[in-house]
Amino acid sequence: MAFNSNTMSRFFIFGGGGHAKVVLDCLQEQGMKIEAVIDSKFSGDLLGVSRLPEAPPDSWNSDKIIVAIGDNKVRKNVVKTVGRSFFNAIHTTACISKNATVGTGCMILHRVVLQAGVSIGHHVIINTAAQVDHDCKVGDYVHLAPGSILCGTIEVGEGSLIGAGAVIKPGVKIGAWATIGSGAVVIKDIPDYAVAVGNPARIVKYIEP
């Protein structure tokens, strides 16, 4: 995915931690200039880009942002607070079917595969080498951790986390704001707010909304 260097917009990253570092590296690799990284919790440059505690006051007319924060709830809160124009970060090694759809503010990183009929919501993280097979539907603010695999016709509700290396069986539905542990193998539906771990995955607790 190439970026138009002639655009009048400036580009900002919200979030200055480890995930933001990966997203920034992805964008820089494509020759994209990031004006600043916005985060009040960290100081110093990030990969040569200035970290600022807040966005410059003149940055909101035509500028675009991406919220590169790994925590799904925090990312949603920041998106709702900022409420501005967003852009996607898509690594050049990602393999995305022409018959897949991707929302705004998404981060699709190194060696991701999105197959035909896949639908990705807004502000979703598809992390390193994650695979999403045909006709899966991934809701807003989801995070698919590195190496996770969604087999065909799976639905993942808003804000859910699919842990690193987890595998979801075809046709399974993952509820909203659920957590699937790293390495889990999910063979049946998981309800909203549930935390499931193991092989086969079992529910160990629920997280309060």
Protein backbone atom coordinates (compact mmCIF):
# COMPACT_ATOMS: atom_id res chain seq x y z
CA MET A 1 0.00 0.00 0.00
CA ALA A 2 1.60 3.26 -1.12
CA PHE A 3 0.90 6.65 0.40
CA ASN A 4 0.48 9.83 -1.60
CA SER A 5 3.28 12.17 -0.59
CA ASN A 6 1.42 15.08 -2.21
CA THR A 7 -1.47 14.99 0.26
CA MET A 8 -2.00 18.11 2.39
CA SER A 9 -2.69 16.01 5.48
CA ARG A 10 -0.20 15.40 8.23
CA PHE A 11 -0.15 12.02 9.95
CA PHE A 12 0.01 11.39 13.70
CA ILE A 13 0.23 8.24 15.81
CA PHE A 14 -1.58 8.18 19.14
CA GLY A 15 0.21 5.88 21.57
CA GLY A 16 3.95 5.69 22.18
CA GLY A 17 4.56 2.18 23.48
CA GLY A 18 5.71 -1.06 21.92
CA HIS A 19 2.77 -1.51 19.58
CA ALA A 20 3.14 2.06 18.33
CA LYS A 21 6.80 1.31 17.60
CA VAL A 22 5.83 -1.59 15.33
CA VAL A 23 3.17 0.48 13.56
CA LEU A 24 5.56 3.40 13.09
CA ASP A 25 8.20 1.07 11.66
CA CYS A 26 5.60 -0.31 9.25
CA LEU A 27 4.69 3.17 8.03
CA GLN A 28 8.27 4.39 7.76
CA GLU A 29 9.13 1.35 5.66
CA GLN A 30 6.61 2.62 3.12
CA GLY A 31 8.20 6.05 3.07
CA MET A 32 5.43 7.70 5.03
CA LYS A 33 6.28 10.73 7.16
CA ILE A 34 4.77 10.74 10.64
CA GLU A 35 4.57 14.22 12.11
CA ALA A 36 4.66 13.14 15.75
CA VAL A 37 3.79 10.41 18.21
CA ILE A 38 1.27 11.57 20.81
CA ASP A 39 1.58 10.03 24.27
CA SER A 40 1.89 11.65 27.69
CA LYS A 41 3.28 8.50 29.35
CA PHE A 42 6.56 8.28 27.43
CA SER A 43 9.33 10.75 26.62
CA GLY A 44 12.03 11.00 23.98
CA ASP A 45 11.89 10.16 20.30
CA LEU A 46 10.42 6.96 18.90
CA LEU A 47 12.36 5.71 15.88
CA GLY A 48 13.44 9.28 15.21
CA VAL A 49 9.95 10.76 15.55
CA SER A 50 9.20 13.22 18.34
CA ARG A 51 6.90 12.11 21.14
CA LEU A 52 4.53 14.87 22.27
CA PRO A 53 2.25 14.84 25.33
CA GLU A 54 -0.63 16.16 23.24
CA ALA A 55 -1.37 17.00 19.63
CA PRO A 56 -0.43 20.48 18.38
CA PRO A 57 -3.46 22.80 18.45
CA ASP A 58 -3.23 23.45 14.71
CA SER A 59 -3.25 19.79 13.73
CA TRP A 60 -6.95 19.09 13.42
CA ASN A 61 -8.14 20.63 10.16
CA SER A 62 -7.06 18.06 7.59
CA ASP A 63 -4.72 15.83 9.56
CA LYS A 64 -5.19 12.11 10.10
CA ILE A 65 -4.37 9.83 13.02
CA ILE A 66 -4.04 6.18 13.89
CA VAL A 67 -4.49 4.96 17.46
CA ALA A 68 -1.66 2.46 17.92
CA ILE A 69 -2.54 1.21 21.41
CA GLY A 70 -2.68 -2.53 22.02
CA ASP A 71 -5.27 -2.46 24.81
CA ASN A 72 -8.66 -2.66 23.11
CA LYS A 73 -10.61 -0.71 25.72
CA VAL A 74 -8.05 2.07 25.88
CA ARG A 75 -7.90 2.22 22.10
CA LYS A 76 -11.68 2.59 21.88
CA ASN A 77 -11.70 5.33 24.52
CA VAL A 78 -9.00 7.28 22.71
CA VAL A 79 -10.79 6.93 19.37
CA LYS A 80 -14.02 8.23 20.90
CA THR A 81 -12.21 11.09 22.61
CA VAL A 82 -10.24 12.20 19.58
CA GLY A 83 -13.09 11.71 17.09
CA ARG A 84 -11.08 12.77 14.05
CA SER A 85 -10.12 11.40 10.65
CA PHE A 86 -8.26 8.09 10.71
CA PHE A 87 -6.00 6.13 8.38
CA ASN A 88 -4.81 2.52 8.14
CA ALA A 89 -1.35 1.01 8.56
CA ILE A 90 -0.97 -2.00 6.25
CA HIS A 91 2.42 -3.67 5.91
CA THR A 92 3.64 -4.43 2.41
CA THR A 93 3.99 -8.15 3.22
CA ALA A 94 0.32 -8.50 4.22
CA CYS A 95 -1.68 -10.64 1.79
CA ILE A 96 -5.18 -9.20 1.53
CA SER A 97 -7.76 -10.62 -0.86
CA LYS A 98 -9.36 -8.16 -3.24
CA ASN A 99 -12.64 -9.60 -1.94
CA ALA A 100 -11.89 -8.73 1.70
CA THR A 101 -12.98 -5.47 3.33
CA VAL A 102 -11.09 -3.48 5.96
CA GLY A 103 -12.48 -0.62 8.05
CA THR A 104 -10.72 2.59 9.08
CA GLY A 105 -7.97 3.03 11.66
CA CYS A 106 -6.80 -0.59 11.30
CA MET A 107 -3.28 -1.95 11.77
CA ILE A 108 -2.53 -4.96 9.55
CA LEU A 109 1.04 -5.98 10.17
CA HIS A 110 3.80 -8.19 8.79
CA ARG A 111 2.78 -11.38 6.91
CA VAL A 112 -0.91 -11.18 7.81
CA VAL A 113 -3.28 -13.13 5.55
CA LEU A 114 -6.90 -12.03 4.95
CA GLN A 115 -8.78 -14.34 2.62
CA ALA A 116 -11.82 -13.83 0.36
CA GLY A 117 -15.01 -12.71 2.05
CA VAL A 118 -13.29 -11.50 5.21
CA SER A 119 -14.76 -8.39 6.85
CA ILE A 120 -12.62 -6.41 9.29
CA GLY A 121 -14.20 -3.67 11.40
CA HIS A 122 -12.74 -0.34 12.49
CA HIS A 123 -9.62 0.20 14.63
CA VAL A 124 -8.71 -3.49 14.55
CA ILE A 125 -5.20 -4.85 15.12
CA ILE A 126 -4.27 -7.86 13.00
CA ASN A 127 -0.84 -8.57 14.41
CA THR A 128 2.23 -10.29 13.00
CA ALA A 129 1.51 -13.41 10.87
CA ALA A 130 -2.11 -13.72 12.00
CA GLN A 131 -4.37 -15.55 9.53
CA VAL A 132 -8.04 -14.89 8.85
CA ASP A 133 -9.67 -17.37 6.50
CA HIS A 134 -12.67 -17.02 4.21
CA ASP A 135 -15.89 -15.31 5.29
CA CYS A 136 -14.79 -14.40 8.82
CA LYS A 137 -16.29 -11.28 10.39
CA VAL A 138 -14.11 -9.38 12.86
CA GLY A 139 -15.76 -6.61 14.89
CA ASP A 140 -14.46 -3.17 15.82
CA TYR A 141 -11.56 -2.81 18.28
CA VAL A 142 -10.57 -6.48 18.10
CA HIS A 143 -6.93 -7.53 18.51
CA LEU A 144 -5.73 -10.70 16.80
CA ALA A 145 -2.35 -11.36 18.43
CA PRO A 146 0.71 -12.68 16.55
CA GLY A 147 0.26 -16.07 14.93
CA SER A 148 -3.42 -16.43 15.77
CA ILE A 149 -5.58 -18.31 13.25
CA LEU A 150 -9.25 -17.83 12.46
CA CYS A 151 -10.50 -20.65 10.28
CA GLY A 152 -13.45 -20.01 7.95
CA THR A 153 -16.83 -18.43 8.80
CA ILE A 154 -15.90 -17.26 12.29
CA GLU A 155 -17.40 -14.21 13.96
CA VAL A 156 -15.46 -12.20 16.54
CA GLY A 157 -17.38 -9.61 18.55
CA GLU A 158 -16.30 -6.07 19.35
CA GLY A 159 -13.24 -5.59 21.53
CA SER A 160 -12.24 -9.23 21.84
CA LEU A 161 -8.63 -10.38 22.16
CA ILE A 162 -7.50 -13.55 20.42
CA GLY A 163 -4.18 -14.50 22.01
CA ALA A 164 -0.92 -15.35 20.31
CA GLY A 165 -1.01 -18.69 18.53
CA ALA A 166 -4.67 -19.34 19.32
CA VAL A 167 -6.69 -21.35 16.79
CA ILE A 168 -10.43 -20.91 16.30
CA LYS A 169 -12.38 -23.75 14.68
CA PRO A 170 -14.55 -22.96 11.61
CA GLY A 171 -18.00 -21.60 12.33
CA VAL A 172 -17.33 -20.60 15.94
CA LYS A 173 -18.68 -17.32 17.34
CA ILE A 174 -16.58 -15.33 19.82
CA GLY A 175 -18.63 -12.83 21.79
CA ALA A 176 -17.88 -9.17 22.49
CA TRP A 177 -14.97 -8.26 24.78
CA ALA A 178 -13.99 -11.89 25.23
CA THR A 179 -10.40 -13.03 25.79
CA ILE A 180 -8.93 -16.15 24.22
CA GLY A 181 -5.65 -17.17 25.84
CA SER A 182 -2.42 -17.72 23.97
CA GLY A 183 -2.24 -21.13 22.33
CA ALA A 184 -5.89 -21.94 23.01
CA VAL A 185 -7.86 -24.13 20.61
CA VAL A 186 -11.47 -22.98 20.49
CA ILE A 187 -13.97 -25.58 19.24
CA LYS A 188 -17.25 -24.06 20.45
CA ASP A 189 -18.83 -20.64 20.86
CA ILE A 190 -17.50 -18.30 23.56
CA PRO A 191 -19.95 -15.78 25.10
CA ASP A 192 -19.46 -12.08 25.76
CA TYR A 193 -16.85 -11.11 28.36
CA ALA A 194 -15.64 -14.69 28.84
CA VAL A 195 -11.99 -15.63 29.31
CA ALA A 196 -11.16 -19.00 27.71
CA VAL A 197 -7.86 -20.89 27.82
CA GLY A 198 -6.45 -24.30 26.99
CA ASN A 199 -6.86 -27.07 24.40
CA PRO A 200 -9.72 -27.48 24.00
CA ALA A 201 -10.50 -24.00 25.33
CA ARG A 202 -12.58 -23.77 28.49
CA ILE A 203 -14.06 -20.72 30.18
CA VAL A 204 -12.22 -19.89 33.39
CA LYS A 205 -13.89 -16.59 34.30
CA TYR A 206 -15.85 -13.58 33.09
CA ILE A 207 -14.67 -9.98 32.94
CA GLU A 208 -17.05 -7.32 34.23
CA PRO A 209 -18.34 -5.05 31.42
